[in-house]
Amino acid sequence: MGLIWWILPAVSGVLGLMLTFAGLGRLARLKLFSGTPRLAFGVGFLGLGGVVALTGLNLQTYSRLTYERPVATISFVATEAPETYTASLVYPGGERADFELRGDEWELNARVIKFKAFSNLLGFDSAYKLDRLYGRFEDVGRAGETNGASLATNPGLDVVELSKRSGGRFAVQDAKYGSAVYNPMSDGLSFDVFMTQSALIARPANEVTRELMGDDVSGLALEGS
């Protein structure tokens, strides 16, 4: 679908150049009657090609900058202990890891390298590596009762090493930071987590979660070194 936005301006541009040069050639030989229409059509085709190219670039820019990749699906099952849940984290490749979390909310953290917008258009998407999964309470006074787990062995790029190797070269690194997403944690809830070009987001993954959350997309980007 995106290819047509380059084919159309290319064809229009070639026709425009051919007609423009043909018109200029005839005008140079003082053939005003046949040269003027060719020149006018040539300039018109060139202008049309430019408009179509800019429109296509704008659409592709929007598409790339709003591109999302699945990171994991996280689901919760209550345990016998109060306010404690088994969190199942399933990665896109099918690998699964289970964790026991305490709290009424969950939080997933990732390390991220964000690329410049022009680099996104060239296909350089934000690089990430999931870092930690936490249980948390909405009541900050209960923060000491929560727990978490390291996700150091999860699939993904080693963004820290990538950052060290690439430095600040063109089309590589714009910013290195952390991103986190959090939502309610309760029995039967399930969320699909995605990586956008700027942050982690989460969407309800089953009917129980949609009834609780609606169609909300939530995420919190935490920037830092």
Protein backbone atom coordinates (compact mmCIF):
# COMPACT_ATOMS: atom_id res chain seq x y z
CA MET A 1 0.00 0.00 0.00
CA GLY A 2 2.81 2.43 0.88
CA LEU A 3 4.68 1.66 -2.37
CA ILE A 4 2.06 3.42 -4.49
CA TRP A 5 2.91 6.71 -2.78
CA TRP A 6 6.37 6.47 -4.37
CA ILE A 7 5.34 4.96 -7.75
CA LEU A 8 2.78 7.67 -8.53
CA PRO A 9 5.09 10.67 -7.94
CA ALA A 10 7.91 8.86 -9.79
CA VAL A 11 5.74 8.31 -12.89
CA SER A 12 4.36 11.82 -12.66
CA GLY A 13 7.87 13.23 -12.26
CA VAL A 14 9.23 11.36 -15.29
CA LEU A 15 6.31 12.49 -17.46
CA GLY A 16 6.71 16.01 -16.14
CA LEU A 17 10.42 16.13 -16.97
CA MET A 18 9.87 14.69 -20.45
CA LEU A 19 7.13 17.19 -21.28
CA THR A 20 9.04 20.08 -19.71
CA PHE A 21 12.21 19.41 -21.72
CA ALA A 22 10.16 18.80 -24.86
CA GLY A 23 8.35 22.09 -24.36
CA LEU A 24 11.56 24.00 -23.67
CA GLY A 25 13.13 22.47 -26.77
CA ARG A 26 10.25 23.56 -28.96
CA LEU A 27 10.21 27.02 -27.43
CA ALA A 28 13.93 27.31 -28.10
CA ARG A 29 13.12 26.65 -31.76
CA LEU A 30 10.42 29.33 -31.56
CA LYS A 31 7.59 26.81 -31.90
CA LEU A 32 5.34 28.60 -29.43
CA PHE A 33 2.10 26.88 -30.43
CA SER A 34 3.36 23.35 -29.70
CA GLY A 35 5.96 24.20 -27.05
CA THR A 36 3.79 26.17 -24.63
CA PRO A 37 1.21 23.38 -23.91
CA ARG A 38 3.99 20.82 -23.42
CA LEU A 39 5.80 23.08 -20.99
CA ALA A 40 2.58 23.81 -19.10
CA PHE A 41 1.67 20.12 -18.81
CA GLY A 42 5.23 19.25 -17.83
CA VAL A 43 5.26 21.76 -15.00
CA GLY A 44 1.81 20.56 -13.95
CA PHE A 45 2.93 16.92 -13.76
CA LEU A 46 6.00 17.91 -11.77
CA GLY A 47 3.83 19.83 -9.33
CA LEU A 48 1.40 16.89 -9.03
CA GLY A 49 4.29 14.52 -8.39
CA GLY A 50 5.56 16.79 -5.62
CA VAL A 51 2.15 16.98 -3.95
CA VAL A 52 1.67 13.20 -4.06
CA ALA A 53 5.20 12.62 -2.74
CA LEU A 54 4.67 15.00 0.19
CA THR A 55 1.30 13.38 0.97
CA GLY A 56 2.87 9.92 0.94
CA LEU A 57 5.76 11.06 3.12
CA ASN A 58 3.33 12.55 5.63
CA LEU A 59 1.29 9.33 5.79
CA GLN A 60 4.37 7.16 6.16
CA THR A 61 5.76 9.48 8.82
CA TYR A 62 2.56 9.10 10.83
CA SER A 63 2.58 5.34 10.32
CA ARG A 64 6.21 4.91 11.45
CA LEU A 65 5.95 7.24 14.43
CA THR A 66 2.82 5.44 15.68
CA TYR A 67 4.20 1.95 15.00
CA GLU A 68 3.68 -0.50 17.87
CA ARG A 69 5.36 -3.85 18.56
CA PRO A 70 4.00 -6.49 20.94
CA VAL A 71 6.22 -6.90 24.00
CA ALA A 72 4.32 -9.40 26.14
CA THR A 73 0.94 -10.46 27.47
CA ILE A 74 0.63 -10.41 31.24
CA SER A 75 -2.17 -12.23 33.09
CA PHE A 76 -3.01 -12.62 36.78
CA VAL A 77 -4.42 -15.42 38.91
CA ALA A 78 -5.10 -14.97 42.62
CA THR A 79 -3.18 -17.17 45.07
CA GLU A 80 -4.28 -18.32 48.52
CA ALA A 81 -2.29 -15.50 50.12
CA PRO A 82 -4.18 -12.20 50.43
CA GLU A 83 -3.44 -9.54 47.77
CA THR A 84 -0.96 -11.89 46.10
CA TYR A 85 -1.14 -13.05 42.48
CA THR A 86 0.68 -15.30 40.05
CA ALA A 87 1.68 -13.09 37.14
CA SER A 88 2.24 -14.96 33.86
CA LEU A 89 4.35 -13.07 31.35
CA VAL A 90 4.17 -14.50 27.81
CA TYR A 91 6.58 -13.08 25.20
CA PRO A 92 5.74 -12.84 21.47
CA GLY A 93 7.84 -15.93 20.70
CA GLY A 94 5.78 -18.02 23.14
CA GLU A 95 8.30 -18.08 26.00
CA ARG A 96 6.57 -17.85 29.38
CA ALA A 97 7.69 -16.83 32.85
CA ASP A 98 5.64 -16.86 36.09
CA PHE A 99 6.15 -14.56 39.05
CA GLU A 100 4.42 -14.08 42.39
CA LEU A 101 3.54 -10.43 42.99
CA ARG A 102 1.94 -8.69 45.95
CA GLY A 103 -0.18 -5.56 45.62
CA ASP A 104 -3.22 -4.16 43.84
CA GLU A 105 -1.28 -2.87 40.79
CA TRP A 106 1.51 -4.17 38.56
CA GLU A 107 4.34 -2.26 36.93
CA LEU A 108 6.55 -3.35 34.03
CA ASN A 109 9.83 -1.49 33.35
CA ALA A 110 12.05 -1.44 30.28
CA ARG A 111 15.28 0.16 29.19
CA VAL A 112 14.82 1.99 25.90
CA ILE A 113 16.83 3.70 23.19
CA LYS A 114 14.68 6.16 21.29
CA PHE A 115 15.70 7.03 17.73
CA LYS A 116 15.27 10.29 15.89
CA ALA A 117 12.08 10.70 13.85
CA PHE A 118 13.96 10.60 10.54
CA SER A 119 15.66 7.40 11.66
CA ASN A 120 12.23 5.88 12.35
CA LEU A 121 11.30 6.55 8.71
CA LEU A 122 14.40 4.61 7.65
CA GLY A 123 13.23 1.63 9.73
CA PHE A 124 15.14 2.22 12.98
CA ASP A 125 12.55 1.44 15.66
CA SER A 126 13.06 2.10 19.35
CA ALA A 127 15.22 -0.63 20.90
CA TYR A 128 14.14 -2.01 24.26
CA LYS A 129 14.90 -4.63 26.87
CA LEU A 130 12.44 -5.49 29.61
CA ASP A 131 14.08 -4.86 32.96
CA ARG A 132 11.81 -5.53 35.96
CA LEU A 133 8.28 -6.50 36.96
CA TYR A 134 6.84 -5.16 40.20
CA GLY A 135 3.79 -5.51 42.38
CA ARG A 136 2.67 -2.20 43.91
CA PHE A 137 -0.08 -0.71 46.02
CA GLU A 138 -2.03 2.38 45.03
CA ASP A 139 -1.58 3.47 48.65
CA VAL A 140 2.05 4.66 48.70
CA GLY A 141 2.12 4.07 52.45
CA ARG A 142 2.17 0.34 51.70
CA ALA A 143 5.15 0.48 49.34
CA GLY A 144 7.24 -1.59 51.74
CA GLU A 145 4.83 -4.54 51.41
CA THR A 146 5.41 -5.02 47.66
CA ASN A 147 7.91 -7.11 45.74
CA GLY A 148 9.39 -7.41 42.28
CA ALA A 149 11.42 -9.60 39.93
CA SER A 150 14.30 -9.06 37.53
CA LEU A 151 13.67 -9.83 33.85
CA ALA A 152 17.36 -9.85 32.90
CA THR A 153 17.06 -13.04 30.86
CA ASN A 154 14.07 -11.93 28.76
CA PRO A 155 14.25 -11.64 24.96
CA GLY A 156 15.32 -8.30 23.53
CA LEU A 157 18.32 -6.18 22.67
CA ASP A 158 20.96 -5.22 25.20
CA VAL A 159 20.22 -1.52 24.83
CA VAL A 160 22.95 -0.47 27.24
CA GLU A 161 25.63 -2.22 25.17
CA LEU A 162 24.07 -0.92 21.94
CA SER A 163 24.20 2.60 23.33
CA LYS A 164 27.88 2.24 24.25
CA ARG A 165 28.81 0.92 20.81
CA SER A 166 26.78 3.39 18.77
CA GLY A 167 27.42 6.55 20.72
CA GLY A 168 25.50 9.49 19.24
CA ARG A 169 26.03 8.72 15.55
CA PHE A 170 23.44 9.68 12.94
CA ALA A 171 20.37 7.43 12.77
CA VAL A 172 21.29 5.64 15.98
CA GLN A 173 20.66 7.21 19.38
CA ASP A 174 18.49 10.16 20.28
CA ALA A 175 17.86 9.42 23.95
CA LYS A 176 18.43 6.62 26.43
CA TYR A 177 15.84 6.33 29.14
CA GLY A 178 13.55 4.09 31.12
CA SER A 179 9.88 3.49 30.39
CA ALA A 180 7.27 1.94 32.67
CA VAL A 181 3.63 0.98 32.38
CA TYR A 182 1.32 0.13 35.29
CA ASN A 183 -2.31 -0.95 35.73
CA PRO A 184 -4.61 -2.63 38.27
CA MET A 185 -3.77 -6.18 39.36
CA SER A 186 -6.62 -8.55 40.15
CA ASP A 187 -7.73 -12.13 39.55
CA GLY A 188 -8.50 -12.80 35.86
CA LEU A 189 -7.11 -9.56 34.48
CA SER A 190 -4.94 -9.73 31.38
CA PHE A 191 -3.08 -7.03 29.40
CA ASP A 192 -1.25 -6.84 26.09
CA VAL A 193 1.87 -4.69 26.40
CA PHE A 194 3.31 -2.87 23.38
CA MET A 195 6.43 -0.82 22.67
CA THR A 196 5.78 2.38 20.71
CA GLN A 197 8.48 4.69 19.35
CA SER A 198 8.44 6.54 22.69
CA ALA A 199 7.08 4.38 25.54
CA LEU A 200 5.49 1.17 26.78
CA ILE A 201 1.68 1.03 26.65
CA ALA A 202 -0.83 -1.60 27.81
CA ARG A 203 -4.28 -2.54 26.52
CA PRO A 204 -6.93 -4.89 27.96
CA ALA A 205 -6.46 -8.42 26.58
CA ASN A 206 -9.71 -10.08 27.68
CA GLU A 207 -13.33 -9.22 28.36
CA VAL A 208 -12.91 -9.08 32.16
CA THR A 209 -10.18 -6.46 31.79
CA ARG A 210 -12.11 -4.48 29.16
CA GLU A 211 -15.13 -4.29 31.48
CA LEU A 212 -12.90 -2.89 34.22
CA MET A 213 -10.74 -0.60 32.10
CA GLY A 214 -12.80 0.18 29.02
CA ASP A 215 -10.52 0.59 26.00
CA ASP A 216 -7.94 2.65 27.87
CA VAL A 217 -4.33 2.66 26.73
CA SER A 218 -2.06 3.47 29.62
CA GLY A 219 1.63 4.07 30.01
CA LEU A 220 4.13 6.18 31.88
CA ALA A 221 7.49 7.09 30.37
CA LEU A 222 10.20 7.68 32.95
CA GLU A 223 13.18 9.41 31.38
CA GLY A 224 16.64 9.14 32.80
CA SER A 225 20.13 7.91 32.14
